[in-house]
Amino acid sequence: MIGNNIKWNKVDLVYVGAIAALMLLKLVSSTLETSSLIWLLWPVALFILFFTSSPYVFIADQGYYFPDLNVLIDSSCSGLNYFILISIYILSFSLFIQRPGNIRNIFYMVGFGYAATIAANGLRIHGLIILEKYEYFGMPTDWINLHEAFGVFIFFTVLLTISMYLNSLRKTGNISLQEKK
C-alpha cells in the first residue's frame, strides 16, 4: 500500500523542498511583472510566430504583441499557474508512486512540466486565434467565456494525457511502486 512504512531519505526531502519552492512561487506569483515571466512568455510567442508567421513586438510591462493578429500575450497568459500545478503533480507522482532515485530527476521532471506548459499554452493561444479567425464557426460567443473555457479544455487535456502516460509507465513496470534502494 502506498504510504505505509515509507522511509524518508535525503532525496525525498529534496523533492519535498522542490514542491515547497513551487508553492512559494505561487504565493509570490501575483506580484510578478511581465518582465519576470519572459521565460514562459517568449517560448509561447515563438510558438505562435511559428504557426501563424505573424511577427511580434515585445512591449515592456505589457508582453508580446502580434499586430497582425491583434493578440497580446501578457503576464496573465503566461501559464505560470499551470506550470506550478503540473510540476507539483509530476514531482508528487514521483515522490509517492515511483519513489525518486536521485536529485537530478527533479530537474528532468520540472523541465518536462515546463515543456508541457509551453506546449499547452501555445496550443491554447493558437486555438483561440483560429477560433477568432473563423469567427467561432458562426457561433455567437462571449470572448471572455470562450477564452477561459478553451483554456480549461486544453490544460485539462494535457494534464490528463500526462496522467495517463505516467500511469501506463507504472502499469507496464517501467515505474516501480517499490522504494528504490
N, C-alpha and C. Protein backbone atom coordinates (compact mmCIF):
# COMPACT_ATOMS: atom_id res chain seq x y z
N MET A 1 0.84 -1.18 0.00
CA MET A 1 0.00 0.00 0.00
C MET A 1 0.88 1.24 0.00
N ILE A 2 0.53 2.19 -0.79
CA ILE A 2 1.30 3.42 -0.87
C ILE A 2 1.16 4.19 0.43
N GLY A 3 2.27 4.68 0.94
CA GLY A 3 2.23 5.50 2.14
C GLY A 3 2.55 4.72 3.41
N ASN A 4 2.42 3.41 3.39
CA ASN A 4 2.73 2.61 4.58
C ASN A 4 4.22 2.35 4.65
N ASN A 5 4.77 2.59 5.82
CA ASN A 5 6.17 2.30 6.09
C ASN A 5 7.14 2.95 5.10
N ILE A 6 6.84 4.15 4.66
CA ILE A 6 7.77 4.86 3.78
C ILE A 6 8.87 5.45 4.65
N LYS A 7 10.09 5.15 4.27
CA LYS A 7 11.23 5.73 4.96
C LYS A 7 11.74 6.90 4.13
N TRP A 8 11.72 8.07 4.73
CA TRP A 8 12.14 9.27 4.04
C TRP A 8 13.66 9.35 4.05
N ASN A 9 14.23 9.63 2.89
CA ASN A 9 15.68 9.82 2.82
C ASN A 9 15.97 11.24 2.34
N LYS A 10 17.23 11.57 2.14
CA LYS A 10 17.62 12.93 1.75
C LYS A 10 17.03 13.33 0.40
N VAL A 11 17.00 12.39 -0.53
CA VAL A 11 16.45 12.69 -1.86
C VAL A 11 14.96 13.03 -1.74
N ASP A 12 14.23 12.28 -0.93
CA ASP A 12 12.81 12.57 -0.72
C ASP A 12 12.62 13.97 -0.18
N LEU A 13 13.47 14.36 0.75
CA LEU A 13 13.35 15.69 1.36
C LEU A 13 13.66 16.79 0.35
N VAL A 14 14.56 16.52 -0.58
CA VAL A 14 14.84 17.50 -1.64
C VAL A 14 13.61 17.64 -2.55
N TYR A 15 12.93 16.52 -2.83
CA TYR A 15 11.70 16.57 -3.61
C TYR A 15 10.65 17.42 -2.89
N VAL A 16 10.49 17.18 -1.60
CA VAL A 16 9.53 17.97 -0.82
C VAL A 16 9.93 19.45 -0.85
N GLY A 17 11.23 19.72 -0.79
CA GLY A 17 11.71 21.10 -0.88
C GLY A 17 11.39 21.73 -2.22
N ALA A 18 11.52 20.96 -3.30
CA ALA A 18 11.20 21.47 -4.64
C ALA A 18 9.70 21.78 -4.74
N ILE A 19 8.88 20.91 -4.18
CA ILE A 19 7.43 21.15 -4.18
C ILE A 19 7.12 22.40 -3.36
N ALA A 20 7.78 22.56 -2.22
CA ALA A 20 7.57 23.74 -1.38
C ALA A 20 8.01 25.01 -2.12
N ALA A 21 9.11 24.93 -2.88
CA ALA A 21 9.58 26.09 -3.65
C ALA A 21 8.55 26.48 -4.71
N LEU A 22 7.94 25.50 -5.36
CA LEU A 22 6.89 25.78 -6.34
C LEU A 22 5.67 26.42 -5.67
N MET A 23 5.34 25.96 -4.48
CA MET A 23 4.22 26.56 -3.75
C MET A 23 4.55 28.01 -3.35
N LEU A 24 5.80 28.26 -2.98
CA LEU A 24 6.22 29.62 -2.67
C LEU A 24 6.14 30.50 -3.91
N LEU A 25 6.53 29.96 -5.05
CA LEU A 25 6.40 30.70 -6.31
C LEU A 25 4.94 31.10 -6.55
N LYS A 26 4.01 30.22 -6.22
CA LYS A 26 2.59 30.53 -6.36
C LYS A 26 2.20 31.69 -5.45
N LEU A 27 2.74 31.70 -4.24
CA LEU A 27 2.42 32.78 -3.30
C LEU A 27 2.88 34.15 -3.81
N VAL A 28 4.02 34.19 -4.49
CA VAL A 28 4.54 35.46 -4.96
C VAL A 28 4.14 35.77 -6.40
N SER A 29 3.47 34.84 -7.05
CA SER A 29 3.17 34.99 -8.48
C SER A 29 2.34 36.23 -8.80
N SER A 30 1.47 36.64 -7.91
CA SER A 30 0.63 37.81 -8.19
C SER A 30 1.43 39.10 -8.20
N THR A 31 2.63 39.08 -7.63
CA THR A 31 3.46 40.29 -7.61
C THR A 31 4.44 40.35 -8.78
N LEU A 32 4.52 39.30 -9.57
CA LEU A 32 5.48 39.25 -10.67
C LEU A 32 5.00 40.10 -11.84
N GLU A 33 5.93 40.82 -12.42
CA GLU A 33 5.64 41.64 -13.59
C GLU A 33 5.93 40.84 -14.86
N THR A 34 5.50 41.37 -15.96
CA THR A 34 5.68 40.70 -17.24
C THR A 34 7.14 40.38 -17.50
N SER A 35 8.04 41.32 -17.17
CA SER A 35 9.47 41.09 -17.43
C SER A 35 10.02 39.91 -16.62
N SER A 36 9.38 39.57 -15.51
CA SER A 36 9.81 38.42 -14.71
C SER A 36 9.32 37.10 -15.28
N LEU A 37 8.43 37.16 -16.25
CA LEU A 37 7.83 35.94 -16.81
C LEU A 37 8.26 35.68 -18.26
N ILE A 38 9.32 36.35 -18.69
CA ILE A 38 9.82 36.17 -20.05
C ILE A 38 10.12 34.70 -20.33
N TRP A 39 10.60 33.98 -19.35
CA TRP A 39 10.95 32.57 -19.51
C TRP A 39 9.75 31.72 -19.89
N LEU A 40 8.53 32.19 -19.60
CA LEU A 40 7.31 31.50 -20.02
C LEU A 40 6.68 32.15 -21.25
N LEU A 41 6.76 33.46 -21.35
CA LEU A 41 6.08 34.18 -22.44
C LEU A 41 6.82 34.06 -23.77
N TRP A 42 8.14 34.19 -23.76
CA TRP A 42 8.89 34.20 -25.01
C TRP A 42 8.76 32.90 -25.80
N PRO A 43 8.88 31.72 -25.18
CA PRO A 43 8.70 30.49 -25.96
C PRO A 43 7.30 30.36 -26.56
N VAL A 44 6.29 30.85 -25.85
CA VAL A 44 4.93 30.81 -26.37
C VAL A 44 4.81 31.77 -27.56
N ALA A 45 5.45 32.94 -27.46
CA ALA A 45 5.45 33.88 -28.58
C ALA A 45 6.11 33.24 -29.81
N LEU A 46 7.21 32.51 -29.60
CA LEU A 46 7.86 31.80 -30.71
C LEU A 46 6.94 30.72 -31.29
N PHE A 47 6.21 30.03 -30.43
CA PHE A 47 5.25 29.01 -30.85
C PHE A 47 4.21 29.64 -31.78
N ILE A 48 3.66 30.77 -31.37
CA ILE A 48 2.63 31.46 -32.18
C ILE A 48 3.25 31.98 -33.47
N LEU A 49 4.46 32.54 -33.40
CA LEU A 49 5.16 33.00 -34.60
C LEU A 49 5.34 31.85 -35.59
N PHE A 50 5.76 30.70 -35.10
CA PHE A 50 6.00 29.54 -35.95
C PHE A 50 4.72 29.09 -36.67
N PHE A 51 3.60 29.05 -35.97
CA PHE A 51 2.37 28.53 -36.55
C PHE A 51 1.55 29.56 -37.31
N THR A 52 1.80 30.84 -37.06
CA THR A 52 1.00 31.87 -37.75
C THR A 52 1.82 32.71 -38.71
N SER A 53 3.14 32.66 -38.59
CA SER A 53 4.05 33.52 -39.38
C SER A 53 3.77 35.00 -39.14
N SER A 54 3.14 35.30 -38.05
CA SER A 54 2.85 36.69 -37.71
C SER A 54 3.93 37.21 -36.77
N PRO A 55 4.59 38.31 -37.15
CA PRO A 55 5.66 38.83 -36.29
C PRO A 55 5.09 39.42 -34.99
N TYR A 56 5.95 39.49 -34.00
CA TYR A 56 5.54 40.06 -32.72
C TYR A 56 6.49 41.18 -32.31
N VAL A 57 6.03 41.97 -31.37
CA VAL A 57 6.82 43.04 -30.79
C VAL A 57 6.72 42.88 -29.28
N PHE A 58 7.86 42.97 -28.60
CA PHE A 58 7.83 42.95 -27.14
C PHE A 58 7.61 44.36 -26.64
N ILE A 59 6.60 44.54 -25.82
CA ILE A 59 6.29 45.84 -25.22
C ILE A 59 6.54 45.70 -23.72
N ALA A 60 7.52 46.45 -23.24
CA ALA A 60 7.86 46.36 -21.81
C ALA A 60 6.63 46.60 -20.96
N ASP A 61 6.51 45.84 -19.89
CA ASP A 61 5.39 45.91 -18.93
C ASP A 61 4.05 45.50 -19.52
N GLN A 62 4.04 45.01 -20.76
CA GLN A 62 2.79 44.52 -21.33
C GLN A 62 2.92 43.08 -21.80
N GLY A 63 3.92 42.80 -22.63
CA GLY A 63 4.11 41.45 -23.12
C GLY A 63 4.43 41.43 -24.60
N TYR A 64 4.09 40.32 -25.24
CA TYR A 64 4.35 40.13 -26.66
C TYR A 64 3.08 40.43 -27.44
N TYR A 65 3.20 41.42 -28.33
CA TYR A 65 2.04 41.86 -29.12
C TYR A 65 2.24 41.43 -30.56
N PHE A 66 1.19 40.80 -31.11
CA PHE A 66 1.15 40.39 -32.51
C PHE A 66 0.21 41.34 -33.25
N PRO A 67 0.76 42.39 -33.89
CA PRO A 67 -0.11 43.40 -34.51
C PRO A 67 -1.03 42.84 -35.59
N ASP A 68 -0.54 41.88 -36.40
CA ASP A 68 -1.37 41.31 -37.47
C ASP A 68 -2.58 40.56 -36.92
N LEU A 69 -2.42 39.99 -35.72
CA LEU A 69 -3.48 39.19 -35.11
C LEU A 69 -4.26 39.97 -34.06
N ASN A 70 -3.73 41.13 -33.67
CA ASN A 70 -4.28 41.92 -32.57
C ASN A 70 -4.38 41.07 -31.30
N VAL A 71 -3.27 40.38 -30.99
CA VAL A 71 -3.19 39.49 -29.83
C VAL A 71 -2.04 39.95 -28.95
N LEU A 72 -2.31 40.05 -27.65
CA LEU A 72 -1.28 40.37 -26.68
C LEU A 72 -1.14 39.20 -25.72
N ILE A 73 0.08 38.67 -25.61
CA ILE A 73 0.37 37.62 -24.64
C ILE A 73 1.05 38.30 -23.47
N ASP A 74 0.30 38.48 -22.38
CA ASP A 74 0.81 39.20 -21.22
C ASP A 74 0.99 38.27 -20.03
N SER A 75 1.27 38.85 -18.88
CA SER A 75 1.57 38.03 -17.70
C SER A 75 0.40 37.13 -17.30
N SER A 76 -0.83 37.57 -17.55
CA SER A 76 -1.98 36.73 -17.20
C SER A 76 -2.10 35.53 -18.14
N CYS A 77 -1.42 35.59 -19.28
CA CYS A 77 -1.43 34.48 -20.25
C CYS A 77 -0.18 33.63 -20.16
N SER A 78 0.63 33.84 -19.15
CA SER A 78 1.94 33.20 -19.10
C SER A 78 1.87 31.70 -18.88
N GLY A 79 0.85 31.21 -18.21
CA GLY A 79 0.77 29.80 -17.89
C GLY A 79 1.51 29.46 -16.60
N LEU A 80 1.85 30.46 -15.80
CA LEU A 80 2.60 30.22 -14.58
C LEU A 80 1.85 29.30 -13.62
N ASN A 81 0.56 29.53 -13.44
CA ASN A 81 -0.21 28.67 -12.55
C ASN A 81 -0.22 27.22 -13.04
N TYR A 82 -0.33 27.05 -14.35
CA TYR A 82 -0.32 25.71 -14.92
C TYR A 82 1.05 25.05 -14.73
N PHE A 83 2.12 25.82 -14.94
CA PHE A 83 3.46 25.29 -14.74
C PHE A 83 3.63 24.80 -13.30
N ILE A 84 3.17 25.60 -12.35
CA ILE A 84 3.28 25.22 -10.94
C ILE A 84 2.46 23.95 -10.68
N LEU A 85 1.24 23.93 -11.18
CA LEU A 85 0.36 22.77 -10.97
C LEU A 85 0.94 21.50 -11.55
N ILE A 86 1.34 21.55 -12.80
CA ILE A 86 1.80 20.33 -13.47
C ILE A 86 3.14 19.86 -12.90
N SER A 87 4.01 20.79 -12.51
CA SER A 87 5.29 20.41 -11.92
C SER A 87 5.09 19.76 -10.56
N ILE A 88 4.20 20.32 -9.75
CA ILE A 88 3.90 19.72 -8.45
C ILE A 88 3.28 18.34 -8.65
N TYR A 89 2.40 18.21 -9.63
CA TYR A 89 1.77 16.91 -9.91
C TYR A 89 2.82 15.86 -10.27
N ILE A 90 3.72 16.20 -11.18
CA ILE A 90 4.73 15.24 -11.63
C ILE A 90 5.69 14.89 -10.49
N LEU A 91 6.12 15.90 -9.73
CA LEU A 91 7.01 15.63 -8.59
C LEU A 91 6.31 14.77 -7.53
N SER A 92 5.04 15.06 -7.28
CA SER A 92 4.29 14.28 -6.29
C SER A 92 4.11 12.84 -6.76
N PHE A 93 3.83 12.67 -8.03
CA PHE A 93 3.71 11.32 -8.58
C PHE A 93 5.00 10.55 -8.33
N SER A 94 6.11 11.19 -8.64
CA SER A 94 7.39 10.53 -8.45
C SER A 94 7.66 10.25 -6.98
N LEU A 95 7.35 11.19 -6.12
CA LEU A 95 7.64 11.04 -4.70
C LEU A 95 6.81 9.94 -4.06
N PHE A 96 5.52 9.89 -4.39
CA PHE A 96 4.64 8.95 -3.70
C PHE A 96 4.37 7.65 -4.46
N ILE A 97 4.58 7.61 -5.75
CA ILE A 97 4.33 6.41 -6.53
C ILE A 97 5.64 5.75 -6.94
N GLN A 98 6.49 6.51 -7.61
CA GLN A 98 7.70 5.93 -8.16
C GLN A 98 8.80 5.80 -7.10
N ARG A 99 8.86 6.67 -6.16
CA ARG A 99 9.96 6.80 -5.20
C ARG A 99 11.20 7.27 -5.95
N PRO A 100 11.59 8.49 -5.75
CA PRO A 100 12.67 9.10 -6.53
C PRO A 100 14.00 8.38 -6.37
N GLY A 101 14.72 8.31 -7.47
CA GLY A 101 16.00 7.65 -7.45
C GLY A 101 17.14 8.59 -7.13
N ASN A 102 17.08 9.80 -7.68
CA ASN A 102 18.14 10.76 -7.39
C ASN A 102 17.64 12.19 -7.60
N ILE A 103 18.44 13.11 -7.12
CA ILE A 103 18.05 14.52 -7.14
C ILE A 103 18.00 15.05 -8.57
N ARG A 104 18.85 14.55 -9.45
CA ARG A 104 18.89 15.02 -10.84
C ARG A 104 17.53 14.87 -11.52
N ASN A 105 16.76 13.86 -11.14
CA ASN A 105 15.44 13.65 -11.75
C ASN A 105 14.51 14.82 -11.52
N ILE A 106 14.71 15.58 -10.45
CA ILE A 106 13.87 16.76 -10.19
C ILE A 106 13.95 17.71 -11.38
N PHE A 107 15.15 17.94 -11.88
CA PHE A 107 15.34 18.86 -12.99
C PHE A 107 14.67 18.34 -14.26
N TYR A 108 14.73 17.03 -14.49
CA TYR A 108 14.06 16.45 -15.65
C TYR A 108 12.54 16.61 -15.52
N MET A 109 12.03 16.36 -14.34
CA MET A 109 10.57 16.43 -14.14
C MET A 109 10.05 17.85 -14.25
N VAL A 110 10.75 18.80 -13.64
CA VAL A 110 10.33 20.20 -13.75
C VAL A 110 10.52 20.68 -15.19
N GLY A 111 11.57 20.21 -15.86
CA GLY A 111 11.77 20.54 -17.28
C GLY A 111 10.65 19.99 -18.14
N PHE A 112 10.20 18.78 -17.82
CA PHE A 112 9.07 18.20 -18.54
C PHE A 112 7.80 19.03 -18.27
N GLY A 113 7.62 19.46 -17.02
CA GLY A 113 6.48 20.33 -16.69
C GLY A 113 6.54 21.65 -17.45
N TYR A 114 7.75 22.19 -17.59
CA TYR A 114 7.94 23.44 -18.34
C TYR A 114 7.59 23.24 -19.81
N ALA A 115 8.10 22.18 -20.40
CA ALA A 115 7.82 21.90 -21.82
C ALA A 115 6.32 21.67 -22.04
N ALA A 116 5.69 20.94 -21.13
CA ALA A 116 4.24 20.71 -21.24
C ALA A 116 3.47 22.02 -21.11
N THR A 117 3.94 22.91 -20.26
CA THR A 117 3.29 24.21 -20.09
C THR A 117 3.39 25.04 -21.36
N ILE A 118 4.58 25.09 -21.95
CA ILE A 118 4.77 25.87 -23.18
C ILE A 118 3.89 25.29 -24.29
N ALA A 119 3.88 23.97 -24.43
CA ALA A 119 3.07 23.33 -25.47
C ALA A 119 1.58 23.60 -25.24
N ALA A 120 1.11 23.41 -24.03
CA ALA A 120 -0.32 23.61 -23.73
C ALA A 120 -0.72 25.07 -23.92
N ASN A 121 0.12 25.97 -23.46
CA ASN A 121 -0.22 27.39 -23.59
C ASN A 121 -0.17 27.84 -25.05
N GLY A 122 0.81 27.34 -25.79
CA GLY A 122 0.88 27.65 -27.22
C GLY A 122 -0.33 27.12 -27.97
N LEU A 123 -0.72 25.88 -27.66
CA LEU A 123 -1.92 25.30 -28.29
C LEU A 123 -3.17 26.08 -27.94
N ARG A 124 -3.25 26.51 -26.68
CA ARG A 124 -4.42 27.27 -26.23
C ARG A 124 -4.53 28.58 -26.99
N ILE A 125 -3.45 29.34 -27.05
CA ILE A 125 -3.48 30.65 -27.71
C ILE A 125 -3.68 30.49 -29.21
N HIS A 126 -2.99 29.51 -29.81
CA HIS A 126 -3.15 29.29 -31.25
C HIS A 126 -4.58 28.84 -31.57
N GLY A 127 -5.13 27.98 -30.75
CA GLY A 127 -6.52 27.55 -30.94
C GLY A 127 -7.50 28.71 -30.87
N LEU A 128 -7.26 29.62 -29.94
CA LEU A 128 -8.13 30.80 -29.83
C LEU A 128 -7.99 31.71 -31.04
N ILE A 129 -6.78 31.81 -31.56
CA ILE A 129 -6.57 32.62 -32.77
C ILE A 129 -7.35 32.02 -33.94
N ILE A 130 -7.31 30.71 -34.06
CA ILE A 130 -8.06 30.03 -35.12
C ILE A 130 -9.56 30.24 -34.94
N LEU A 131 -10.03 30.09 -33.71
CA LEU A 131 -11.47 30.31 -33.46
C LEU A 131 -11.89 31.73 -33.81
N GLU A 132 -11.05 32.69 -33.46
CA GLU A 132 -11.39 34.08 -33.78
C GLU A 132 -11.33 34.32 -35.29
N LYS A 133 -10.34 33.74 -35.95
CA LYS A 133 -10.19 33.91 -37.39
C LYS A 133 -11.42 33.41 -38.15
N TYR A 134 -11.96 32.30 -37.70
CA TYR A 134 -13.14 31.74 -38.36
C TYR A 134 -14.43 32.14 -37.65
N GLU A 135 -14.33 33.20 -36.86
CA GLU A 135 -15.48 33.77 -36.16
C GLU A 135 -16.27 32.70 -35.41
N TYR A 136 -15.51 31.87 -34.67
CA TYR A 136 -16.09 30.84 -33.81
C TYR A 136 -17.01 29.89 -34.58
N PHE A 137 -16.74 29.73 -35.87
CA PHE A 137 -17.53 28.84 -36.73
C PHE A 137 -19.00 29.24 -36.72
N GLY A 138 -19.23 30.55 -36.68
CA GLY A 138 -20.60 31.07 -36.76
C GLY A 138 -21.37 31.06 -35.46
N MET A 139 -20.72 30.67 -34.36
CA MET A 139 -21.42 30.63 -33.08
C MET A 139 -21.35 31.99 -32.40
N PRO A 140 -22.49 32.50 -31.93
CA PRO A 140 -22.43 33.74 -31.15
C PRO A 140 -21.79 33.41 -29.79
N THR A 141 -20.72 34.13 -29.45
CA THR A 141 -19.96 33.77 -28.26
C THR A 141 -19.46 35.00 -27.53
N ASP A 142 -19.39 34.86 -26.23
CA ASP A 142 -18.75 35.85 -25.38
C ASP A 142 -17.26 35.51 -25.34
N TRP A 143 -16.40 36.40 -25.80
CA TRP A 143 -14.97 36.13 -25.94
C TRP A 143 -14.34 35.72 -24.62
N ILE A 144 -14.64 36.38 -23.53
CA ILE A 144 -14.03 36.06 -22.24
C ILE A 144 -14.38 34.64 -21.81
N ASN A 145 -15.63 34.26 -21.91
CA ASN A 145 -16.03 32.91 -21.53
C ASN A 145 -15.40 31.86 -22.44
N LEU A 146 -15.33 32.13 -23.73
CA LEU A 146 -14.70 31.20 -24.66
C LEU A 146 -13.22 31.06 -24.33
N HIS A 147 -12.56 32.16 -24.09
CA HIS A 147 -11.14 32.18 -23.76
C HIS A 147 -10.86 31.30 -22.54
N GLU A 148 -11.64 31.46 -21.50
CA GLU A 148 -11.43 30.68 -20.28
C GLU A 148 -11.82 29.21 -20.46
N ALA A 149 -12.93 28.95 -21.11
CA ALA A 149 -13.38 27.57 -21.30
C ALA A 149 -12.41 26.80 -22.19
N PHE A 150 -11.94 27.42 -23.24
CA PHE A 150 -10.99 26.76 -24.14
C PHE A 150 -9.68 26.48 -23.41
N GLY A 151 -9.24 27.43 -22.58
CA GLY A 151 -8.03 27.22 -21.78
C GLY A 151 -8.17 26.05 -20.83
N VAL A 152 -9.30 25.96 -20.15
CA VAL A 152 -9.54 24.83 -19.24
C VAL A 152 -9.52 23.52 -20.02
N PHE A 153 -10.16 23.50 -21.18
CA PHE A 153 -10.19 22.28 -22.00
C PHE A 153 -8.78 21.84 -22.40
N ILE A 154 -7.97 22.76 -22.90
CA ILE A 154 -6.62 22.42 -23.35
C ILE A 154 -5.75 21.99 -22.17
N PHE A 155 -5.77 22.78 -21.09
CA PHE A 155 -4.93 22.46 -19.94
C PHE A 155 -5.33 21.12 -19.30
N PHE A 156 -6.62 20.87 -19.20
CA PHE A 156 -7.08 19.61 -18.62
C PHE A 156 -6.68 18.44 -19.52
N THR A 157 -6.83 18.61 -20.83
CA THR A 157 -6.47 17.55 -21.77
C THR A 157 -5.00 17.20 -21.67
N VAL A 158 -4.14 18.19 -21.58
CA VAL A 158 -2.70 17.92 -21.46
C VAL A 158 -2.41 17.24 -20.12
N LEU A 159 -3.01 17.71 -19.04
CA LEU A 159 -2.80 17.09 -17.74
C LEU A 159 -3.30 15.65 -17.73
N LEU A 160 -4.45 15.40 -18.32
CA LEU A 160 -4.99 14.04 -18.39
C LEU A 160 -4.07 13.14 -19.22
N THR A 161 -3.55 13.65 -20.31
CA THR A 161 -2.63 12.89 -21.15
C THR A 161 -1.37 12.51 -20.38
N ILE A 162 -0.82 13.46 -19.63
CA ILE A 162 0.37 13.18 -18.83
C ILE A 162 0.04 12.15 -17.75
N SER A 163 -1.11 12.28 -17.12
CA SER A 163 -1.53 11.31 -16.10
C SER A 163 -1.64 9.91 -16.68
N MET A 164 -2.24 9.81 -17.85
CA MET A 164 -2.39 8.50 -18.49
C MET A 164 -1.02 7.93 -18.85
N TYR A 165 -0.12 8.78 -19.31
CA TYR A 165 1.23 8.33 -19.66
C TYR A 165 1.97 7.81 -18.42
N LEU A 166 1.95 8.59 -17.34
CA LEU A 166 2.62 8.15 -16.12
C LEU A 166 2.01 6.86 -15.58
N ASN A 167 0.69 6.76 -15.64
CA ASN A 167 0.03 5.55 -15.18
C ASN A 167 0.39 4.35 -16.04
N SER A 168 0.52 4.55 -17.36
CA SER A 168 0.90 3.43 -18.24
C SER A 168 2.33 2.98 -17.94
N LEU A 169 3.21 3.92 -17.61
CA LEU A 169 4.58 3.53 -17.23
C LEU A 169 4.56 2.69 -15.97
N ARG A 170 3.73 3.09 -15.03
CA ARG A 170 3.63 2.35 -13.77
C ARG A 170 3.07 0.95 -14.02
N LYS A 171 2.03 0.85 -14.84
CA LYS A 171 1.39 -0.44 -15.11
C LYS A 171 2.29 -1.39 -15.88
N THR A 172 3.12 -0.87 -16.77
CA THR A 172 4.00 -1.73 -17.56
C THR A 172 5.26 -2.11 -16.81
N GLY A 173 5.42 -1.55 -15.63
CA GLY A 173 6.59 -1.90 -14.83
C GLY A 173 7.79 -1.01 -15.06
N ASN A 174 7.66 -0.02 -15.94
CA ASN A 174 8.77 0.90 -16.15
C ASN A 174 8.95 1.85 -14.97
N ILE A 175 7.91 1.97 -14.15
CA ILE A 175 7.98 2.70 -12.89
C ILE A 175 7.54 1.73 -11.83
N SER A 176 8.32 1.58 -10.81
CA SER A 176 8.01 0.62 -9.78
C SER A 176 7.37 1.29 -8.58
N LEU A 177 6.45 0.59 -7.93
CA LEU A 177 5.88 1.08 -6.68
C LEU A 177 6.79 0.78 -5.51
N GLN A 178 7.80 0.02 -5.74
CA GLN A 178 8.71 -0.32 -4.66
C GLN A 178 9.71 0.80 -4.46
N GLU A 179 10.12 0.98 -3.21
CA GLU A 179 11.10 2.00 -2.90
C GLU A 179 12.43 1.61 -3.54
N LYS A 180 13.07 2.61 -4.18
CA LYS A 180 14.36 2.35 -4.80
C LYS A 180 15.42 2.23 -3.72
N LYS A 181 16.36 1.34 -3.95
CA LYS A 181 17.40 1.12 -2.95
C LYS A 181 18.73 1.61 -3.44
